[in-house]
Amino acid sequence: MAQIAEDVLLLLLDNASALPGLERPRRDHVLAAATLLDLAYACRIRPAAAGDPVPAGRLLALAAPGPADPVTAPALTLLQARPREPGRAIKKLGGTVEDRLLVHLERTGHLRRMPVPSKRLGRTYRYPLTSRDRVGAARAALLSALFDRTPPAAVTAAAITVLHAVDGLGALLSLNDRGWRWVHARAGEIAAGSWVDEAPAGLAEVNLAVTAAAVRQALPALA
């Protein structure tokens, strides 16, 4: 399940316009990065380390049982073909992830595709959520981690990490200067991996944190 990428897109759609609240290409990059972190959380990829047969830091596909999620499958296929630097993988995937996520979220009943009048060639759509249950829980977890310093679950920490790396939390929050100073400081702690030490962590969480460190360093250079 591409829970990280799904949650990020649902959070970005959770507004009155029913359109993602972060402009492209930052949105493409953050969603592509989120799919890579979904694969890392499933222990299907990791960054190469010393002793691996490829340069350190490149993302390696791992042998793991079971089919890939339809949203993350192209990312896994890309890395199975050959290990890639995180930035190159994000750029390669960025243009297609959102469409796959929208189709998947519509198919699973989380949103509706609503055509709207447009003077552009082709059709323009809005994507109203069918229920706020899932996005409400995701938003509550994100706010609790940022403002109450609640140790975030892995999915929440990953969402904060990728959004913070592209300066995208402003698409979700409206704060005064003092609030933003707090959020940037706390989000920076989480993005740096502090969440792994704040709660019990297993192999999946550690692999996610290690991969997130590589991915978040690549994101600002793509903006």
N, C-alpha and C. Protein backbone atom coordinates (compact mmCIF):
# COMPACT_ATOMS: atom_id res chain seq x y z
N MET A 1 0.83 -1.19 0.00
CA MET A 1 0.00 0.00 0.00
C MET A 1 0.87 1.25 0.00
N ALA A 2 0.55 2.17 -0.88
CA ALA A 2 1.34 3.42 -0.98
C ALA A 2 0.80 4.44 0.02
N GLN A 3 0.85 4.09 1.30
CA GLN A 3 0.17 4.92 2.29
C GLN A 3 0.78 6.30 2.43
N ILE A 4 2.10 6.41 2.34
CA ILE A 4 2.74 7.72 2.49
C ILE A 4 2.34 8.63 1.34
N ALA A 5 2.50 8.15 0.11
CA ALA A 5 2.14 8.96 -1.05
C ALA A 5 0.66 9.29 -1.07
N GLU A 6 -0.20 8.32 -0.72
CA GLU A 6 -1.63 8.58 -0.69
C GLU A 6 -1.95 9.66 0.34
N ASP A 7 -1.38 9.54 1.54
CA ASP A 7 -1.66 10.54 2.58
C ASP A 7 -1.19 11.92 2.16
N VAL A 8 -0.02 12.02 1.54
CA VAL A 8 0.48 13.33 1.11
C VAL A 8 -0.47 13.96 0.11
N LEU A 9 -0.93 13.20 -0.88
CA LEU A 9 -1.83 13.78 -1.87
C LEU A 9 -3.18 14.12 -1.25
N LEU A 10 -3.72 13.28 -0.38
CA LEU A 10 -4.98 13.60 0.27
C LEU A 10 -4.86 14.87 1.12
N LEU A 11 -3.75 15.03 1.81
CA LEU A 11 -3.53 16.25 2.59
C LEU A 11 -3.47 17.48 1.68
N LEU A 12 -2.83 17.35 0.54
CA LEU A 12 -2.74 18.47 -0.39
C LEU A 12 -4.09 18.80 -1.04
N LEU A 13 -4.99 17.83 -1.11
CA LEU A 13 -6.32 18.04 -1.68
C LEU A 13 -7.35 18.51 -0.66
N ASP A 14 -6.98 18.49 0.59
CA ASP A 14 -7.93 18.80 1.67
C ASP A 14 -8.10 20.31 1.81
N ASN A 15 -8.80 20.91 0.85
CA ASN A 15 -9.05 22.35 0.85
C ASN A 15 -10.32 22.64 0.07
N ALA A 16 -10.75 23.88 0.11
CA ALA A 16 -12.03 24.25 -0.51
C ALA A 16 -12.02 24.10 -2.02
N SER A 17 -10.87 24.22 -2.65
CA SER A 17 -10.81 24.16 -4.11
C SER A 17 -10.85 22.74 -4.66
N ALA A 18 -10.57 21.74 -3.81
CA ALA A 18 -10.46 20.35 -4.23
C ALA A 18 -9.38 20.15 -5.29
N LEU A 19 -8.38 21.01 -5.24
CA LEU A 19 -7.20 20.91 -6.10
C LEU A 19 -5.97 20.82 -5.21
N PRO A 20 -4.92 20.13 -5.66
CA PRO A 20 -3.71 20.03 -4.83
C PRO A 20 -3.15 21.41 -4.49
N GLY A 21 -2.82 21.60 -3.21
CA GLY A 21 -2.39 22.91 -2.75
C GLY A 21 -0.91 23.19 -2.88
N LEU A 22 -0.24 22.52 -3.75
CA LEU A 22 1.19 22.74 -3.98
C LEU A 22 1.43 22.70 -5.48
N GLU A 23 2.12 23.72 -5.98
CA GLU A 23 2.26 23.82 -7.43
C GLU A 23 3.29 22.82 -7.96
N ARG A 24 3.15 22.51 -9.24
CA ARG A 24 4.17 21.73 -9.91
C ARG A 24 5.36 22.63 -10.21
N PRO A 25 6.60 22.13 -10.26
CA PRO A 25 6.99 20.71 -10.16
C PRO A 25 7.21 20.21 -8.74
N ARG A 26 7.06 21.10 -7.74
CA ARG A 26 7.31 20.63 -6.37
C ARG A 26 6.39 19.47 -6.01
N ARG A 27 5.14 19.54 -6.47
CA ARG A 27 4.19 18.47 -6.16
C ARG A 27 4.63 17.15 -6.80
N ASP A 28 5.08 17.20 -8.03
CA ASP A 28 5.57 15.99 -8.69
C ASP A 28 6.73 15.38 -7.90
N HIS A 29 7.64 16.23 -7.47
CA HIS A 29 8.82 15.74 -6.76
C HIS A 29 8.45 15.14 -5.41
N VAL A 30 7.55 15.81 -4.68
CA VAL A 30 7.22 15.32 -3.34
C VAL A 30 6.45 14.00 -3.42
N LEU A 31 5.59 13.84 -4.43
CA LEU A 31 4.85 12.58 -4.56
C LEU A 31 5.76 11.46 -5.02
N ALA A 32 6.68 11.75 -5.93
CA ALA A 32 7.65 10.73 -6.35
C ALA A 32 8.51 10.30 -5.17
N ALA A 33 8.97 11.26 -4.38
CA ALA A 33 9.77 10.93 -3.19
C ALA A 33 8.96 10.09 -2.22
N ALA A 34 7.69 10.40 -2.06
CA ALA A 34 6.85 9.64 -1.14
C ALA A 34 6.69 8.19 -1.59
N THR A 35 6.59 7.95 -2.90
CA THR A 35 6.48 6.56 -3.37
C THR A 35 7.77 5.80 -3.09
N LEU A 36 8.91 6.47 -3.20
CA LEU A 36 10.17 5.81 -2.86
C LEU A 36 10.21 5.45 -1.38
N LEU A 37 9.68 6.32 -0.55
CA LEU A 37 9.67 6.02 0.88
C LEU A 37 8.67 4.92 1.21
N ASP A 38 7.58 4.83 0.45
CA ASP A 38 6.69 3.69 0.63
C ASP A 38 7.42 2.38 0.36
N LEU A 39 8.23 2.35 -0.71
CA LEU A 39 9.01 1.16 -1.01
C LEU A 39 10.04 0.87 0.09
N ALA A 40 10.64 1.93 0.62
CA ALA A 40 11.61 1.74 1.70
C ALA A 40 10.94 1.17 2.94
N TYR A 41 9.74 1.66 3.26
CA TYR A 41 9.02 1.18 4.44
C TYR A 41 8.61 -0.28 4.27
N ALA A 42 8.38 -0.68 3.03
CA ALA A 42 8.09 -2.09 2.73
C ALA A 42 9.35 -2.92 2.60
N CYS A 43 10.52 -2.31 2.84
CA CYS A 43 11.82 -2.97 2.73
C CYS A 43 12.05 -3.54 1.33
N ARG A 44 11.65 -2.75 0.32
CA ARG A 44 11.86 -3.17 -1.07
C ARG A 44 12.98 -2.38 -1.73
N ILE A 45 13.43 -1.28 -1.11
CA ILE A 45 14.59 -0.55 -1.59
C ILE A 45 15.38 -0.04 -0.38
N ARG A 46 16.63 0.30 -0.62
CA ARG A 46 17.47 0.96 0.39
C ARG A 46 18.60 1.67 -0.31
N PRO A 47 19.25 2.63 0.34
CA PRO A 47 20.44 3.25 -0.25
C PRO A 47 21.62 2.29 -0.19
N ALA A 48 22.42 2.29 -1.22
CA ALA A 48 23.64 1.48 -1.21
C ALA A 48 24.60 2.00 -0.15
N ALA A 49 25.34 1.09 0.43
CA ALA A 49 26.31 1.44 1.47
C ALA A 49 27.68 0.91 1.08
N ALA A 50 28.67 1.22 1.90
CA ALA A 50 30.02 0.71 1.65
C ALA A 50 29.98 -0.82 1.58
N GLY A 51 30.63 -1.36 0.58
CA GLY A 51 30.64 -2.80 0.38
C GLY A 51 29.66 -3.28 -0.66
N ASP A 52 28.70 -2.42 -1.03
CA ASP A 52 27.78 -2.78 -2.11
C ASP A 52 28.48 -2.59 -3.45
N PRO A 53 28.04 -3.29 -4.49
CA PRO A 53 28.73 -3.21 -5.79
C PRO A 53 28.39 -1.96 -6.60
N VAL A 54 27.72 -0.99 -6.01
CA VAL A 54 27.40 0.27 -6.69
C VAL A 54 27.79 1.42 -5.77
N PRO A 55 27.93 2.63 -6.30
CA PRO A 55 28.32 3.76 -5.45
C PRO A 55 27.37 3.98 -4.29
N ALA A 56 27.91 4.32 -3.14
CA ALA A 56 27.10 4.55 -1.95
C ALA A 56 26.08 5.66 -2.21
N GLY A 57 24.90 5.46 -1.66
CA GLY A 57 23.85 6.46 -1.77
C GLY A 57 22.84 6.19 -2.87
N ARG A 58 23.22 5.42 -3.88
CA ARG A 58 22.24 5.08 -4.91
C ARG A 58 21.19 4.14 -4.35
N LEU A 59 19.98 4.25 -4.84
CA LEU A 59 18.89 3.43 -4.34
C LEU A 59 18.89 2.07 -5.01
N LEU A 60 18.91 1.03 -4.18
CA LEU A 60 18.96 -0.36 -4.64
C LEU A 60 17.60 -1.02 -4.45
N ALA A 61 17.15 -1.78 -5.42
CA ALA A 61 15.97 -2.62 -5.24
C ALA A 61 16.38 -3.90 -4.51
N LEU A 62 15.53 -4.33 -3.59
CA LEU A 62 15.80 -5.53 -2.80
C LEU A 62 14.86 -6.65 -3.21
N ALA A 63 15.31 -7.86 -3.04
CA ALA A 63 14.44 -9.01 -3.29
C ALA A 63 13.45 -9.12 -2.14
N ALA A 64 12.16 -9.08 -2.48
CA ALA A 64 11.13 -9.17 -1.45
C ALA A 64 9.94 -9.91 -2.04
N PRO A 65 9.27 -10.72 -1.23
CA PRO A 65 8.13 -11.50 -1.75
C PRO A 65 6.90 -10.61 -1.96
N GLY A 66 6.01 -11.06 -2.81
CA GLY A 66 4.74 -10.38 -2.99
C GLY A 66 4.77 -9.34 -4.09
N PRO A 67 3.59 -9.04 -4.66
CA PRO A 67 3.52 -8.03 -5.72
C PRO A 67 3.67 -6.63 -5.17
N ALA A 68 4.12 -5.73 -6.02
CA ALA A 68 4.23 -4.32 -5.63
C ALA A 68 2.87 -3.66 -5.73
N ASP A 69 2.67 -2.64 -4.94
CA ASP A 69 1.45 -1.83 -5.02
C ASP A 69 1.39 -1.19 -6.41
N PRO A 70 0.19 -1.03 -7.01
CA PRO A 70 0.12 -0.45 -8.35
C PRO A 70 0.66 0.96 -8.44
N VAL A 71 0.62 1.69 -7.34
CA VAL A 71 1.15 3.06 -7.35
C VAL A 71 2.67 3.06 -7.33
N THR A 72 3.26 2.17 -6.55
CA THR A 72 4.71 2.16 -6.39
C THR A 72 5.43 1.22 -7.36
N ALA A 73 4.67 0.39 -8.09
CA ALA A 73 5.30 -0.59 -8.99
C ALA A 73 6.26 0.04 -10.00
N PRO A 74 5.91 1.17 -10.66
CA PRO A 74 6.87 1.76 -11.61
C PRO A 74 8.18 2.17 -10.95
N ALA A 75 8.13 2.66 -9.71
CA ALA A 75 9.36 3.04 -9.02
C ALA A 75 10.21 1.82 -8.74
N LEU A 76 9.56 0.73 -8.33
CA LEU A 76 10.32 -0.50 -8.08
C LEU A 76 10.93 -1.04 -9.37
N THR A 77 10.16 -1.02 -10.44
CA THR A 77 10.68 -1.48 -11.74
C THR A 77 11.88 -0.65 -12.18
N LEU A 78 11.78 0.66 -11.98
CA LEU A 78 12.87 1.57 -12.35
C LEU A 78 14.16 1.19 -11.63
N LEU A 79 14.07 0.91 -10.34
CA LEU A 79 15.26 0.61 -9.56
C LEU A 79 15.72 -0.83 -9.74
N GLN A 80 14.81 -1.71 -10.13
CA GLN A 80 15.23 -3.08 -10.46
C GLN A 80 16.06 -3.08 -11.74
N ALA A 81 15.78 -2.15 -12.65
CA ALA A 81 16.56 -2.07 -13.89
C ALA A 81 18.00 -1.68 -13.59
N ARG A 82 18.16 -0.71 -12.72
CA ARG A 82 19.50 -0.36 -12.25
C ARG A 82 19.39 0.61 -11.08
N PRO A 83 20.33 0.56 -10.14
CA PRO A 83 20.32 1.51 -9.03
C PRO A 83 20.48 2.94 -9.54
N ARG A 84 19.81 3.87 -8.89
CA ARG A 84 19.86 5.26 -9.33
C ARG A 84 20.06 6.18 -8.13
N GLU A 85 20.65 7.33 -8.38
CA GLU A 85 20.72 8.36 -7.36
C GLU A 85 19.30 8.82 -7.03
N PRO A 86 19.02 9.17 -5.76
CA PRO A 86 17.66 9.56 -5.40
C PRO A 86 17.09 10.68 -6.27
N GLY A 87 17.89 11.70 -6.54
CA GLY A 87 17.39 12.81 -7.35
C GLY A 87 17.00 12.39 -8.75
N ARG A 88 17.78 11.52 -9.35
CA ARG A 88 17.47 11.05 -10.71
C ARG A 88 16.22 10.18 -10.70
N ALA A 89 16.07 9.37 -9.68
CA ALA A 89 14.87 8.54 -9.58
C ALA A 89 13.62 9.41 -9.41
N ILE A 90 13.72 10.43 -8.58
CA ILE A 90 12.58 11.33 -8.36
C ILE A 90 12.20 12.04 -9.65
N LYS A 91 13.18 12.56 -10.38
CA LYS A 91 12.89 13.26 -11.64
C LYS A 91 12.28 12.31 -12.66
N LYS A 92 12.76 11.09 -12.71
CA LYS A 92 12.26 10.12 -13.68
C LYS A 92 10.81 9.77 -13.40
N LEU A 93 10.44 9.69 -12.13
CA LEU A 93 9.10 9.26 -11.74
C LEU A 93 8.10 10.40 -11.62
N GLY A 94 8.60 11.61 -11.47
CA GLY A 94 7.76 12.72 -11.05
C GLY A 94 6.55 13.03 -11.92
N GLY A 95 6.66 12.85 -13.22
CA GLY A 95 5.57 13.27 -14.09
C GLY A 95 4.38 12.35 -14.13
N THR A 96 4.48 11.15 -13.54
CA THR A 96 3.41 10.16 -13.68
C THR A 96 2.77 9.72 -12.37
N VAL A 97 3.40 10.02 -11.26
CA VAL A 97 2.92 9.50 -9.97
C VAL A 97 1.53 10.06 -9.63
N GLU A 98 1.32 11.35 -9.82
CA GLU A 98 0.05 11.95 -9.41
C GLU A 98 -1.14 11.31 -10.13
N ASP A 99 -1.02 11.10 -11.43
CA ASP A 99 -2.13 10.50 -12.17
C ASP A 99 -2.45 9.10 -11.64
N ARG A 100 -1.41 8.32 -11.36
CA ARG A 100 -1.66 6.97 -10.82
C ARG A 100 -2.33 7.05 -9.45
N LEU A 101 -1.89 7.98 -8.63
CA LEU A 101 -2.48 8.14 -7.31
C LEU A 101 -3.94 8.56 -7.40
N LEU A 102 -4.25 9.50 -8.29
CA LEU A 102 -5.63 9.97 -8.42
C LEU A 102 -6.55 8.84 -8.89
N VAL A 103 -6.09 8.06 -9.87
CA VAL A 103 -6.88 6.92 -10.35
C VAL A 103 -7.10 5.93 -9.21
N HIS A 104 -6.04 5.64 -8.47
CA HIS A 104 -6.13 4.67 -7.38
C HIS A 104 -7.05 5.17 -6.27
N LEU A 105 -6.93 6.44 -5.89
CA LEU A 105 -7.76 6.98 -4.82
C LEU A 105 -9.22 7.10 -5.24
N GLU A 106 -9.46 7.35 -6.51
CA GLU A 106 -10.83 7.35 -7.01
C GLU A 106 -11.40 5.93 -7.00
N ARG A 107 -10.59 4.97 -7.44
CA ARG A 107 -11.04 3.57 -7.49
C ARG A 107 -11.33 3.04 -6.10
N THR A 108 -10.57 3.47 -5.11
CA THR A 108 -10.76 2.98 -3.74
C THR A 108 -11.76 3.82 -2.96
N GLY A 109 -12.37 4.80 -3.62
CA GLY A 109 -13.47 5.54 -3.00
C GLY A 109 -13.09 6.69 -2.11
N HIS A 110 -11.85 7.18 -2.20
CA HIS A 110 -11.43 8.28 -1.34
C HIS A 110 -11.73 9.65 -1.93
N LEU A 111 -11.92 9.73 -3.24
CA LEU A 111 -12.21 11.01 -3.88
C LEU A 111 -13.05 10.79 -5.13
N ARG A 112 -13.59 11.89 -5.66
CA ARG A 112 -14.34 11.87 -6.91
C ARG A 112 -13.64 12.77 -7.92
N ARG A 113 -13.75 12.42 -9.17
CA ARG A 113 -13.20 13.24 -10.25
C ARG A 113 -14.34 14.06 -10.83
N MET A 114 -14.27 15.38 -10.69
CA MET A 114 -15.36 16.25 -11.10
C MET A 114 -14.89 17.19 -12.21
N PRO A 115 -15.41 17.05 -13.44
CA PRO A 115 -15.01 17.96 -14.52
C PRO A 115 -15.53 19.37 -14.26
N VAL A 116 -14.71 20.35 -14.62
CA VAL A 116 -15.10 21.75 -14.45
C VAL A 116 -14.89 22.48 -15.77
N PRO A 117 -15.67 23.53 -16.05
CA PRO A 117 -15.49 24.28 -17.30
C PRO A 117 -14.08 24.85 -17.40
N SER A 118 -13.52 24.78 -18.59
CA SER A 118 -12.18 25.30 -18.81
C SER A 118 -12.01 25.71 -20.26
N LYS A 119 -11.25 26.76 -20.50
CA LYS A 119 -10.95 27.20 -21.86
C LYS A 119 -9.72 26.48 -22.42
N ARG A 120 -9.06 25.69 -21.58
CA ARG A 120 -7.88 24.96 -22.04
C ARG A 120 -8.31 23.77 -22.90
N LEU A 121 -7.36 23.32 -23.73
CA LEU A 121 -7.58 22.08 -24.47
C LEU A 121 -7.64 20.92 -23.48
N GLY A 122 -8.53 19.99 -23.73
CA GLY A 122 -8.69 18.89 -22.80
C GLY A 122 -9.62 19.27 -21.65
N ARG A 123 -9.79 18.36 -20.72
CA ARG A 123 -10.71 18.59 -19.61
C ARG A 123 -9.93 18.91 -18.35
N THR A 124 -10.54 19.74 -17.51
CA THR A 124 -9.97 20.09 -16.22
C THR A 124 -10.85 19.47 -15.13
N TYR A 125 -10.22 19.01 -14.07
CA TYR A 125 -10.97 18.32 -13.02
C TYR A 125 -10.65 18.91 -11.65
N ARG A 126 -11.62 18.75 -10.77
CA ARG A 126 -11.39 18.92 -9.34
C ARG A 126 -11.55 17.55 -8.70
N TYR A 127 -11.04 17.41 -7.48
CA TYR A 127 -11.03 16.10 -6.84
C TYR A 127 -11.55 16.21 -5.40
N PRO A 128 -12.85 16.43 -5.22
CA PRO A 128 -13.38 16.50 -3.86
C PRO A 128 -13.28 15.16 -3.14
N LEU A 129 -12.96 15.20 -1.88
CA LEU A 129 -12.85 13.98 -1.08
C LEU A 129 -14.24 13.46 -0.75
N THR A 130 -14.40 12.16 -0.78
CA THR A 130 -15.70 11.56 -0.47
C THR A 130 -15.93 11.48 1.03
N SER A 131 -14.85 11.50 1.79
CA SER A 131 -14.93 11.44 3.25
C SER A 131 -13.68 12.08 3.82
N ARG A 132 -13.81 12.65 5.01
CA ARG A 132 -12.64 13.24 5.65
C ARG A 132 -12.06 12.32 6.72
N ASP A 133 -12.56 11.10 6.80
CA ASP A 133 -12.09 10.20 7.86
C ASP A 133 -10.58 9.97 7.75
N ARG A 134 -10.13 9.56 6.58
CA ARG A 134 -8.70 9.24 6.45
C ARG A 134 -7.84 10.49 6.50
N VAL A 135 -8.20 11.52 5.74
CA VAL A 135 -7.37 12.72 5.72
C VAL A 135 -7.44 13.42 7.07
N GLY A 136 -8.59 13.32 7.75
CA GLY A 136 -8.68 13.92 9.08
C GLY A 136 -7.72 13.27 10.05
N ALA A 137 -7.63 11.95 9.98
CA ALA A 137 -6.69 11.24 10.85
C ALA A 137 -5.24 11.59 10.50
N ALA A 138 -4.95 11.67 9.20
CA ALA A 138 -3.59 12.01 8.77
C ALA A 138 -3.22 13.43 9.21
N ARG A 139 -4.16 14.36 9.06
CA ARG A 139 -3.89 15.74 9.46
C ARG A 139 -3.72 15.85 10.98
N ALA A 140 -4.57 15.15 11.73
CA ALA A 140 -4.46 15.19 13.19
C ALA A 140 -3.11 14.64 13.65
N ALA A 141 -2.66 13.55 13.01
CA ALA A 141 -1.36 12.97 13.39
C ALA A 141 -0.23 13.93 13.05
N LEU A 142 -0.32 14.59 11.90
CA LEU A 142 0.71 15.54 11.49
C LEU A 142 0.76 16.73 12.46
N LEU A 143 -0.40 17.28 12.81
CA LEU A 143 -0.44 18.42 13.71
C LEU A 143 0.06 18.05 15.10
N SER A 144 -0.31 16.85 15.56
CA SER A 144 0.13 16.41 16.88
C SER A 144 1.65 16.26 16.93
N ALA A 145 2.21 15.71 15.85
CA ALA A 145 3.67 15.55 15.80
C ALA A 145 4.38 16.90 15.79
N LEU A 146 3.81 17.85 15.05
CA LEU A 146 4.47 19.16 14.90
C LEU A 146 4.27 20.05 16.12
N PHE A 147 3.06 20.09 16.66
CA PHE A 147 2.76 21.08 17.70
C PHE A 147 2.78 20.50 19.11
N ASP A 148 2.44 19.24 19.27
CA ASP A 148 2.43 18.63 20.60
C ASP A 148 3.68 17.79 20.85
N ARG A 149 4.55 17.71 19.84
CA ARG A 149 5.76 16.90 19.92
C ARG A 149 5.47 15.44 20.21
N THR A 150 4.30 14.97 19.75
CA THR A 150 3.98 13.55 19.85
C THR A 150 4.92 12.77 18.94
N PRO A 151 5.53 11.69 19.42
CA PRO A 151 6.37 10.88 18.52
C PRO A 151 5.54 10.41 17.33
N PRO A 152 5.93 10.79 16.12
CA PRO A 152 5.10 10.44 14.96
C PRO A 152 5.27 8.99 14.55
N ALA A 153 4.18 8.43 14.04
CA ALA A 153 4.29 7.13 13.38
C ALA A 153 5.13 7.29 12.13
N ALA A 154 5.60 6.17 11.61
CA ALA A 154 6.53 6.21 10.47
C ALA A 154 5.92 6.92 9.27
N VAL A 155 4.67 6.65 8.95
CA VAL A 155 4.02 7.26 7.79
C VAL A 155 3.92 8.77 7.97
N THR A 156 3.56 9.22 9.16
CA THR A 156 3.47 10.65 9.44
C THR A 156 4.84 11.31 9.34
N ALA A 157 5.86 10.67 9.90
CA ALA A 157 7.22 11.22 9.84
C ALA A 157 7.69 11.34 8.40
N ALA A 158 7.38 10.34 7.58
CA ALA A 158 7.80 10.38 6.17
C ALA A 158 7.09 11.50 5.42
N ALA A 159 5.80 11.68 5.67
CA ALA A 159 5.06 12.75 5.01
C ALA A 159 5.63 14.12 5.39
N ILE A 160 5.91 14.31 6.68
CA ILE A 160 6.50 15.57 7.13
C ILE A 160 7.87 15.78 6.48
N THR A 161 8.65 14.73 6.39
CA THR A 161 10.00 14.82 5.84
C THR A 161 9.99 15.32 4.40
N VAL A 162 9.17 14.71 3.54
CA VAL A 162 9.18 15.11 2.14
C VAL A 162 8.56 16.48 1.93
N LEU A 163 7.51 16.80 2.69
CA LEU A 163 6.90 18.13 2.55
C LEU A 163 7.85 19.21 3.05
N HIS A 164 8.52 18.96 4.15
CA HIS A 164 9.48 19.93 4.69
C HIS A 164 10.63 20.15 3.72
N ALA A 165 11.07 19.08 3.06
CA ALA A 165 12.22 19.19 2.16
C ALA A 165 11.94 20.07 0.95
N VAL A 166 10.67 20.19 0.53
CA VAL A 166 10.33 21.05 -0.61
C VAL A 166 9.65 22.34 -0.14
N ASP A 167 9.74 22.62 1.18
CA ASP A 167 9.09 23.80 1.74
C ASP A 167 7.59 23.77 1.41
N GLY A 168 6.99 22.59 1.58
CA GLY A 168 5.61 22.41 1.19
C GLY A 168 4.60 22.40 2.31
N LEU A 169 5.03 22.56 3.56
CA LEU A 169 4.07 22.54 4.66
C LEU A 169 3.14 23.75 4.63
N GLY A 170 3.58 24.81 3.93
CA GLY A 170 2.72 25.98 3.78
C GLY A 170 1.46 25.69 2.98
N ALA A 171 1.45 24.60 2.21
CA ALA A 171 0.25 24.22 1.48
C ALA A 171 -0.80 23.61 2.40
N LEU A 172 -0.40 23.24 3.62
CA LEU A 172 -1.31 22.61 4.56
C LEU A 172 -1.66 23.50 5.74
N LEU A 173 -0.78 24.44 6.08
CA LEU A 173 -0.92 25.20 7.32
C LEU A 173 -0.90 26.71 7.05
N SER A 174 -1.62 27.45 7.86
CA SER A 174 -1.59 28.91 7.82
C SER A 174 -1.22 29.39 9.22
N LEU A 175 -0.02 29.96 9.36
CA LEU A 175 0.52 30.30 10.67
C LEU A 175 1.14 31.69 10.67
N ASN A 176 1.30 32.24 11.85
CA ASN A 176 2.05 33.49 11.97
C ASN A 176 3.54 33.16 12.03
N ASP A 177 4.37 34.21 12.10
CA ASP A 177 5.83 33.99 12.06
C ASP A 177 6.30 33.09 13.19
N ARG A 178 5.75 33.29 14.39
CA ARG A 178 6.16 32.47 15.53
C ARG A 178 5.79 31.01 15.30
N GLY A 179 4.58 30.79 14.74
CA GLY A 179 4.16 29.43 14.45
C GLY A 179 5.05 28.76 13.43
N TRP A 180 5.44 29.52 12.41
CA TRP A 180 6.31 28.93 11.38
C TRP A 180 7.69 28.61 11.92
N ARG A 181 8.20 29.45 12.82
CA ARG A 181 9.51 29.14 13.41
C ARG A 181 9.44 27.82 14.18
N TRP A 182 8.34 27.64 14.91
CA TRP A 182 8.17 26.39 15.66
C TRP A 182 8.07 25.20 14.71
N VAL A 183 7.23 25.33 13.68
CA VAL A 183 7.00 24.22 12.75
C VAL A 183 8.28 23.86 12.01
N HIS A 184 9.00 24.85 11.52
CA HIS A 184 10.23 24.56 10.79
C HIS A 184 11.25 23.85 11.68
N ALA A 185 11.33 24.29 12.94
CA ALA A 185 12.28 23.64 13.86
C ALA A 185 11.88 22.20 14.13
N ARG A 186 10.60 21.99 14.43
CA ARG A 186 10.15 20.63 14.75
C ARG A 186 10.19 19.73 13.51
N ALA A 187 9.75 20.26 12.36
CA ALA A 187 9.79 19.46 11.13
C ALA A 187 11.23 19.11 10.77
N GLY A 188 12.16 20.03 11.03
CA GLY A 188 13.57 19.75 10.77
C GLY A 188 14.08 18.61 11.63
N GLU A 189 13.66 18.57 12.90
CA GLU A 189 14.05 17.47 13.78
C GLU A 189 13.54 16.13 13.25
N ILE A 190 12.27 16.13 12.85
CA ILE A 190 11.68 14.88 12.34
C ILE A 190 12.36 14.46 11.04
N ALA A 191 12.57 15.42 10.15
CA ALA A 191 13.22 15.11 8.87
C ALA A 191 14.64 14.58 9.07
N ALA A 192 15.29 15.02 10.14
CA ALA A 192 16.64 14.56 10.43
C ALA A 192 16.66 13.16 11.04
N GLY A 193 15.48 12.60 11.31
CA GLY A 193 15.41 11.22 11.81
C GLY A 193 15.19 11.08 13.29
N SER A 194 14.88 12.18 14.00
CA SER A 194 14.69 12.08 15.44
C SER A 194 13.54 11.14 15.81
N TRP A 195 12.57 10.99 14.90
CA TRP A 195 11.40 10.17 15.22
C TRP A 195 11.76 8.72 15.48
N VAL A 196 12.85 8.24 14.90
CA VAL A 196 13.24 6.84 15.11
C VAL A 196 13.61 6.62 16.57
N ASP A 197 14.18 7.63 17.22
CA ASP A 197 14.59 7.50 18.61
C ASP A 197 13.48 7.84 19.59
N GLU A 198 12.37 8.40 19.08
CA GLU A 198 11.29 8.83 19.98
C GLU A 198 10.32 7.70 20.30
N ALA A 199 10.36 6.62 19.56
CA ALA A 199 9.44 5.50 19.77
C ALA A 199 10.14 4.22 19.32
N PRO A 200 9.65 3.06 19.78
CA PRO A 200 10.26 1.80 19.35
C PRO A 200 10.27 1.68 17.83
N ALA A 201 11.38 1.22 17.28
CA ALA A 201 11.52 1.13 15.82
C ALA A 201 12.08 -0.24 15.45
N GLY A 202 11.53 -0.79 14.37
CA GLY A 202 12.02 -2.06 13.85
C GLY A 202 12.80 -1.85 12.57
N LEU A 203 13.05 -2.93 11.87
CA LEU A 203 13.83 -2.87 10.65
C LEU A 203 13.18 -1.96 9.61
N ALA A 204 11.86 -2.07 9.46
CA ALA A 204 11.16 -1.25 8.45
C ALA A 204 11.32 0.24 8.74
N GLU A 205 11.17 0.61 10.01
CA GLU A 205 11.28 2.03 10.38
C GLU A 205 12.70 2.54 10.18
N VAL A 206 13.69 1.72 10.55
CA VAL A 206 15.08 2.15 10.37
C VAL A 206 15.40 2.29 8.88
N ASN A 207 14.95 1.35 8.07
CA ASN A 207 15.21 1.43 6.63
C ASN A 207 14.51 2.66 6.04
N LEU A 208 13.32 2.95 6.51
CA LEU A 208 12.61 4.14 6.05
C LEU A 208 13.40 5.40 6.41
N ALA A 209 13.88 5.48 7.63
CA ALA A 209 14.62 6.67 8.07
C ALA A 209 15.91 6.85 7.27
N VAL A 210 16.63 5.76 7.02
CA VAL A 210 17.88 5.84 6.26
C VAL A 210 17.60 6.29 4.82
N THR A 211 16.55 5.74 4.22
CA THR A 211 16.21 6.12 2.85
C THR A 211 15.69 7.55 2.81
N ALA A 212 14.91 7.93 3.81
CA ALA A 212 14.39 9.31 3.86
C ALA A 212 15.52 10.32 3.94
N ALA A 213 16.60 9.97 4.64
CA ALA A 213 17.74 10.89 4.74
C ALA A 213 18.34 11.13 3.36
N ALA A 214 18.44 10.07 2.54
CA ALA A 214 19.00 10.22 1.20
C ALA A 214 18.05 10.99 0.30
N VAL A 215 16.76 10.71 0.41
CA VAL A 215 15.77 11.35 -0.45
C VAL A 215 15.63 12.83 -0.12
N ARG A 216 15.59 13.17 1.16
CA ARG A 216 15.37 14.57 1.52
C ARG A 216 16.55 15.46 1.13
N GLN A 217 17.74 14.89 1.08
CA GLN A 217 18.89 15.68 0.64
C GLN A 217 18.82 15.98 -0.85
N ALA A 218 18.17 15.09 -1.60
CA ALA A 218 18.07 15.30 -3.05
C ALA A 218 16.97 16.27 -3.43
N LEU A 219 15.91 16.37 -2.64
CA LEU A 219 14.74 17.15 -3.03
C LEU A 219 15.01 18.65 -3.23
N PRO A 220 15.71 19.34 -2.34
CA PRO A 220 15.87 20.79 -2.53
C PRO A 220 16.58 21.14 -3.84
N ALA A 221 17.48 20.30 -4.29
CA ALA A 221 18.20 20.58 -5.55
C ALA A 221 17.31 20.46 -6.77
N LEU A 222 16.14 19.82 -6.62
CA LEU A 222 15.23 19.63 -7.74
C LEU A 222 14.23 20.75 -7.86
N ALA A 223 14.10 21.57 -6.82
CA ALA A 223 13.06 22.61 -6.80
C ALA A 223 13.30 23.63 -7.90
